[in-house]
Amino acid sequence: GAEACGALKNIIALGAGFVDGLNLGGNTKAALLRIGLLEMTKFCTIFFGGVEKSTFMESCGVADLITTCYGGRNRKCADEFAKRRGGELTYLDSESCTKLWSEIESEMLNGQKLQGTLAAQEVYSLLKARNLLHQFPLMSAIYEISFNGKPANTITDGIRTHIESATMPRSKL
């Protein structure tokens, strides 16, 4: 569980960077962190049997998520990605997205690679192969912005979709 949290929090940090780069505010970022932690928990529960839910409340879970989403390099680079995309409502092609990430990594990280972008690609492929993308709207939105060229402001769709699906009325017993 701890190792998976370490990878997944980097994906959520990309989303936090998009929120920051678009100046969407603290409430939006708080919602993203909450939903990110829920999706991290769900992912680990589905793919790693025996993970204790308490793991997510420890330093390797929520504490590391908060730290990474407020100061980590994945957040900083995603902030820059969103700023360069601006308020564009246009889509970029996949090649342009990859090129933009490479430019940002080169300029800001001296050629190092971001863990969040790599993890987002792996997680998205796994979720798609298992037909589970609909259960992870935030991680899916982060990937779609990062690699399928969706406008950065669609990050709020990943938050809203998760909230709406979580608050749908339940049938009475």
C-alpha atoms as a PDB file:
ATOM      1  CA  GLY A   1       0.000   0.000   0.000  1.00  0.00           C
ATOM      2  CA  ALA A   2       2.738   2.465   0.921  1.00  0.00           C
ATOM      3  CA  GLU A   3       4.585   1.981  -2.379  1.00  0.00           C
ATOM      4  CA  ALA A   4       1.386   2.407  -4.416  1.00  0.00           C
ATOM      5  CA  CYS A   5       0.543   5.576  -2.472  1.00  0.00           C
ATOM      6  CA  GLY A   6       3.965   6.907  -3.397  1.00  0.00           C
ATOM      7  CA  ALA A   7       3.226   6.530  -7.103  1.00  0.00           C
ATOM      8  CA  LEU A   8      -0.437   7.536  -7.084  1.00  0.00           C
ATOM      9  CA  LYS A   9       0.096  10.762  -5.128  1.00  0.00           C
ATOM     10  CA  ASN A  10       2.263  11.996  -7.997  1.00  0.00           C
ATOM     11  CA  ILE A  11      -0.688  11.679 -10.375  1.00  0.00           C
ATOM     12  CA  ILE A  12      -2.907  13.654  -8.001  1.00  0.00           C
ATOM     13  CA  ALA A  13      -0.133  16.262  -7.693  1.00  0.00           C
ATOM     14  CA  LEU A  14      -0.410  16.856 -11.449  1.00  0.00           C
ATOM     15  CA  GLY A  15      -4.071  17.698 -10.902  1.00  0.00           C
ATOM     16  CA  ALA A  16      -3.149  20.033  -8.040  1.00  0.00           C
ATOM     17  CA  GLY A  17      -0.708  21.768 -10.373  1.00  0.00           C
ATOM     18  CA  PHE A  18      -3.437  22.254 -12.978  1.00  0.00           C
ATOM     19  CA  VAL A  19      -5.659  23.793 -10.285  1.00  0.00           C
ATOM     20  CA  ASP A  20      -2.841  26.114  -9.191  1.00  0.00           C
ATOM     21  CA  GLY A  21      -1.835  27.058 -12.731  1.00  0.00           C
ATOM     22  CA  LEU A  22      -5.402  28.063 -13.513  1.00  0.00           C
ATOM     23  CA  ASN A  23      -5.828  29.923 -10.199  1.00  0.00           C
ATOM     24  CA  LEU A  24      -8.914  27.888  -9.306  1.00  0.00           C
ATOM     25  CA  GLY A  25      -8.395  28.485  -5.593  1.00  0.00           C
ATOM     26  CA  GLY A  26      -7.952  26.673  -2.322  1.00  0.00           C
ATOM     27  CA  ASN A  27     -11.410  25.112  -2.129  1.00  0.00           C
ATOM     28  CA  THR A  28     -10.995  23.485  -5.527  1.00  0.00           C
ATOM     29  CA  LYS A  29      -7.564  22.208  -4.542  1.00  0.00           C
ATOM     30  CA  ALA A  30      -8.919  20.849  -1.240  1.00  0.00           C
ATOM     31  CA  ALA A  31     -11.682  19.021  -3.124  1.00  0.00           C
ATOM     32  CA  LEU A  32      -9.103  17.594  -5.517  1.00  0.00           C
ATOM     33  CA  LEU A  33      -6.962  16.301  -2.628  1.00  0.00           C
ATOM     34  CA  ARG A  34      -9.978  14.713  -0.923  1.00  0.00           C
ATOM     35  CA  ILE A  35     -11.131  13.012  -4.102  1.00  0.00           C
ATOM     36  CA  GLY A  36      -7.564  12.070  -4.976  1.00  0.00           C
ATOM     37  CA  LEU A  37      -7.176  10.299  -1.651  1.00  0.00           C
ATOM     38  CA  LEU A  38     -10.483   8.464  -2.216  1.00  0.00           C
ATOM     39  CA  GLU A  39      -9.355   7.317  -5.666  1.00  0.00           C
ATOM     40  CA  MET A  40      -5.946   6.268  -4.329  1.00  0.00           C
ATOM     41  CA  THR A  41      -7.675   4.204  -1.647  1.00  0.00           C
ATOM     42  CA  LYS A  42     -10.051   2.633  -4.144  1.00  0.00           C
ATOM     43  CA  PHE A  43      -7.255   1.832  -6.597  1.00  0.00           C
ATOM     44  CA  CYS A  44      -5.163   0.118  -3.940  1.00  0.00           C
ATOM     45  CA  THR A  45      -8.168  -1.794  -2.608  1.00  0.00           C
ATOM     46  CA  ILE A  46      -8.973  -3.110  -6.101  1.00  0.00           C
ATOM     47  CA  PHE A  47      -5.436  -3.948  -7.225  1.00  0.00           C
ATOM     48  CA  PHE A  48      -3.589  -4.764  -4.001  1.00  0.00           C
ATOM     49  CA  GLY A  49      -5.516  -7.140  -1.781  1.00  0.00           C
ATOM     50  CA  GLY A  50      -4.942  -6.873   1.920  1.00  0.00           C
ATOM     51  CA  VAL A  51      -4.122  -3.152   1.979  1.00  0.00           C
ATOM     52  CA  GLU A  52      -5.191  -1.716   5.294  1.00  0.00           C
ATOM     53  CA  LYS A  53      -7.301   1.433   5.023  1.00  0.00           C
ATOM     54  CA  SER A  54      -5.349   2.932   7.919  1.00  0.00           C
ATOM     55  CA  THR A  55      -2.315   3.102   5.585  1.00  0.00           C
ATOM     56  CA  PHE A  56      -3.945   6.048   3.817  1.00  0.00           C
ATOM     57  CA  MET A  57      -4.143   8.061   7.036  1.00  0.00           C
ATOM     58  CA  GLU A  58      -0.453   7.592   7.787  1.00  0.00           C
ATOM     59  CA  SER A  59       2.546   9.598   6.579  1.00  0.00           C
ATOM     60  CA  CYS A  60       2.805   7.578   3.366  1.00  0.00           C
ATOM     61  CA  GLY A  61      -0.808   8.410   2.512  1.00  0.00           C
ATOM     62  CA  VAL A  62      -2.511  11.689   3.261  1.00  0.00           C
ATOM     63  CA  ALA A  63       0.578  13.458   4.639  1.00  0.00           C
ATOM     64  CA  ASP A  64       2.709  12.650   1.592  1.00  0.00           C
ATOM     65  CA  LEU A  65      -0.204  13.552  -0.693  1.00  0.00           C
ATOM     66  CA  ILE A  66      -0.574  16.991   0.914  1.00  0.00           C
ATOM     67  CA  THR A  67       3.163  17.685   0.831  1.00  0.00           C
ATOM     68  CA  THR A  68       3.463  16.661  -2.818  1.00  0.00           C
ATOM     69  CA  CYS A  69       0.375  18.608  -3.890  1.00  0.00           C
ATOM     70  CA  TYR A  70       1.646  21.803  -2.302  1.00  0.00           C
ATOM     71  CA  GLY A  71       5.331  21.735  -3.125  1.00  0.00           C
ATOM     72  CA  GLY A  72       6.483  18.768  -5.154  1.00  0.00           C
ATOM     73  CA  ARG A  73       7.992  18.904  -8.600  1.00  0.00           C
ATOM     74  CA  ASN A  74       5.013  17.147 -10.189  1.00  0.00           C
ATOM     75  CA  ARG A  75       2.755  19.947  -8.917  1.00  0.00           C
ATOM     76  CA  LYS A  76       5.190  22.657  -9.998  1.00  0.00           C
ATOM     77  CA  CYS A  77       5.582  21.279 -13.514  1.00  0.00           C
ATOM     78  CA  ALA A  78       1.828  20.731 -13.934  1.00  0.00           C
ATOM     79  CA  ASP A  79       1.265  24.320 -12.774  1.00  0.00           C
ATOM     80  CA  GLU A  80       3.568  25.419 -15.605  1.00  0.00           C
ATOM     81  CA  PHE A  81       1.831  23.059 -18.057  1.00  0.00           C
ATOM     82  CA  ALA A  82      -1.548  24.648 -17.223  1.00  0.00           C
ATOM     83  CA  LYS A  83      -0.130  28.179 -17.472  1.00  0.00           C
ATOM     84  CA  ARG A  84       1.338  27.482 -20.902  1.00  0.00           C
ATOM     85  CA  ARG A  85      -1.951  26.011 -22.023  1.00  0.00           C
ATOM     86  CA  GLY A  86      -3.684  29.039 -20.502  1.00  0.00           C
ATOM     87  CA  GLY A  87      -7.417  29.262 -20.575  1.00  0.00           C
ATOM     88  CA  GLU A  88      -7.394  27.552 -23.944  1.00  0.00           C
ATOM     89  CA  LEU A  89     -10.547  25.689 -24.729  1.00  0.00           C
ATOM     90  CA  THR A  90      -8.843  24.014 -27.645  1.00  0.00           C
ATOM     91  CA  TYR A  91      -7.474  20.514 -27.562  1.00  0.00           C
ATOM     92  CA  LEU A  92      -3.843  19.666 -28.210  1.00  0.00           C
ATOM     93  CA  ASP A  93      -2.823  16.543 -30.029  1.00  0.00           C
ATOM     94  CA  SER A  94      -1.024  13.853 -28.073  1.00  0.00           C
ATOM     95  CA  GLU A  95       2.340  14.651 -29.651  1.00  0.00           C
ATOM     96  CA  SER A  96       2.070  18.321 -28.632  1.00  0.00           C
ATOM     97  CA  CYS A  97       1.279  17.311 -25.047  1.00  0.00           C
ATOM     98  CA  THR A  98       4.308  15.037 -24.874  1.00  0.00           C
ATOM     99  CA  LYS A  99       6.501  17.774 -26.367  1.00  0.00           C
ATOM    100  CA  LEU A 100       5.231  20.334 -23.832  1.00  0.00           C
ATOM    101  CA  TRP A 101       5.968  17.981 -20.908  1.00  0.00           C
ATOM    102  CA  SER A 102       9.479  17.367 -22.304  1.00  0.00           C
ATOM    103  CA  GLU A 103      10.130  21.105 -22.596  1.00  0.00           C
ATOM    104  CA  ILE A 104       8.932  21.733 -19.043  1.00  0.00           C
ATOM    105  CA  GLU A 105      10.970  18.826 -17.643  1.00  0.00           C
ATOM    106  CA  SER A 106      14.060  20.059 -19.469  1.00  0.00           C
ATOM    107  CA  GLU A 107      13.652  23.652 -18.281  1.00  0.00           C
ATOM    108  CA  MET A 108      12.553  23.009 -14.720  1.00  0.00           C
ATOM    109  CA  LEU A 109      14.141  19.666 -13.826  1.00  0.00           C
ATOM    110  CA  ASN A 110      17.400  19.697 -15.768  1.00  0.00           C
ATOM    111  CA  GLY A 111      16.297  16.720 -17.843  1.00  0.00           C
ATOM    112  CA  GLN A 112      14.932  14.570 -15.018  1.00  0.00           C
ATOM    113  CA  LYS A 113      11.608  12.863 -15.653  1.00  0.00           C
ATOM    114  CA  LEU A 114       8.434  13.437 -13.698  1.00  0.00           C
ATOM    115  CA  GLN A 115       7.061  10.411 -11.875  1.00  0.00           C
ATOM    116  CA  GLY A 116       3.475  11.667 -12.122  1.00  0.00           C
ATOM    117  CA  THR A 117       3.295  11.650 -15.897  1.00  0.00           C
ATOM    118  CA  LEU A 118       4.777   8.153 -16.111  1.00  0.00           C
ATOM    119  CA  ALA A 119       2.464   6.845 -13.383  1.00  0.00           C
ATOM    120  CA  ALA A 120      -0.553   8.501 -15.024  1.00  0.00           C
ATOM    121  CA  GLN A 121       0.171   6.670 -18.269  1.00  0.00           C
ATOM    122  CA  GLU A 122       0.560   3.310 -16.547  1.00  0.00           C
ATOM    123  CA  VAL A 123      -2.503   3.707 -14.327  1.00  0.00           C
ATOM    124  CA  TYR A 124      -4.690   4.932 -17.204  1.00  0.00           C
ATOM    125  CA  SER A 125      -3.653   1.955 -19.369  1.00  0.00           C
ATOM    126  CA  LEU A 126      -4.448  -0.463 -16.561  1.00  0.00           C
ATOM    127  CA  LEU A 127      -7.826   1.137 -15.792  1.00  0.00           C
ATOM    128  CA  LYS A 128      -8.739   1.212 -19.483  1.00  0.00           C
ATOM    129  CA  ALA A 129      -7.771  -2.452 -19.953  1.00  0.00           C
ATOM    130  CA  ARG A 130      -9.965  -3.407 -16.981  1.00  0.00           C
ATOM    131  CA  ASN A 131     -12.833  -1.130 -18.086  1.00  0.00           C
ATOM    132  CA  LEU A 132     -12.581   0.877 -14.834  1.00  0.00           C
ATOM    133  CA  LEU A 133     -11.987   4.428 -16.086  1.00  0.00           C
ATOM    134  CA  HIS A 134     -15.502   5.487 -15.036  1.00  0.00           C
ATOM    135  CA  GLN A 135     -14.679   4.582 -11.429  1.00  0.00           C
ATOM    136  CA  PHE A 136     -11.679   6.940 -11.412  1.00  0.00           C
ATOM    137  CA  PRO A 137     -12.884  10.203 -12.972  1.00  0.00           C
ATOM    138  CA  LEU A 138     -10.174  12.366 -11.405  1.00  0.00           C
ATOM    139  CA  MET A 139      -7.228  10.195 -12.449  1.00  0.00           C
ATOM    140  CA  SER A 140      -8.846   9.837 -15.881  1.00  0.00           C
ATOM    141  CA  ALA A 141      -9.236  13.626 -16.230  1.00  0.00           C
ATOM    142  CA  ILE A 142      -5.596  14.169 -15.226  1.00  0.00           C
ATOM    143  CA  TYR A 143      -4.458  11.733 -17.932  1.00  0.00           C
ATOM    144  CA  GLU A 144      -6.794  13.229 -20.554  1.00  0.00           C
ATOM    145  CA  ILE A 145      -5.401  16.725 -19.888  1.00  0.00           C
ATOM    146  CA  SER A 146      -1.809  15.502 -19.762  1.00  0.00           C
ATOM    147  CA  PHE A 147      -1.780  13.274 -22.832  1.00  0.00           C
ATOM    148  CA  ASN A 148      -4.981  13.556 -24.842  1.00  0.00           C
ATOM    149  CA  GLY A 149      -4.878  17.338 -24.994  1.00  0.00           C
ATOM    150  CA  LYS A 150      -8.052  18.179 -23.139  1.00  0.00           C
ATOM    151  CA  PRO A 151      -8.077  21.776 -21.870  1.00  0.00           C
ATOM    152  CA  ALA A 152      -6.564  22.085 -18.388  1.00  0.00           C
ATOM    153  CA  ASN A 153      -9.753  23.641 -17.046  1.00  0.00           C
ATOM    154  CA  THR A 154     -11.497  20.285 -17.494  1.00  0.00           C
ATOM    155  CA  ILE A 155      -9.797  19.221 -14.253  1.00  0.00           C
ATOM    156  CA  THR A 156     -12.973  20.409 -12.542  1.00  0.00           C
ATOM    157  CA  ASP A 157     -14.925  17.771 -14.492  1.00  0.00           C
ATOM    158  CA  GLY A 158     -12.889  15.051 -12.769  1.00  0.00           C
ATOM    159  CA  ILE A 159     -13.736  16.568  -9.397  1.00  0.00           C
ATOM    160  CA  ARG A 160     -17.408  17.221 -10.165  1.00  0.00           C
ATOM    161  CA  THR A 161     -18.009  13.788 -11.724  1.00  0.00           C
ATOM    162  CA  HIS A 162     -16.596  12.069  -8.677  1.00  0.00           C
ATOM    163  CA  ILE A 163     -18.685  14.182  -6.298  1.00  0.00           C
ATOM    164  CA  GLU A 164     -21.861  13.618  -8.319  1.00  0.00           C
ATOM    165  CA  SER A 165     -21.387   9.861  -8.490  1.00  0.00           C
ATOM    166  CA  ALA A 166     -20.609   9.725  -4.767  1.00  0.00           C
ATOM    167  CA  THR A 167     -23.725  11.678  -3.791  1.00  0.00           C
ATOM    168  CA  MET A 168     -26.292   9.968  -5.981  1.00  0.00           C
ATOM    169  CA  PRO A 169     -29.363   8.905  -3.999  1.00  0.00           C
ATOM    170  CA  ARG A 170     -29.263   5.349  -2.758  1.00  0.00           C
ATOM    171  CA  SER A 171     -32.284   3.112  -3.046  1.00  0.00           C
ATOM    172  CA  LYS A 172     -34.186   2.485   0.145  1.00  0.00           C
ATOM    173  CA  LEU A 173     -33.832  -0.898   1.788  1.00  0.00           C
END
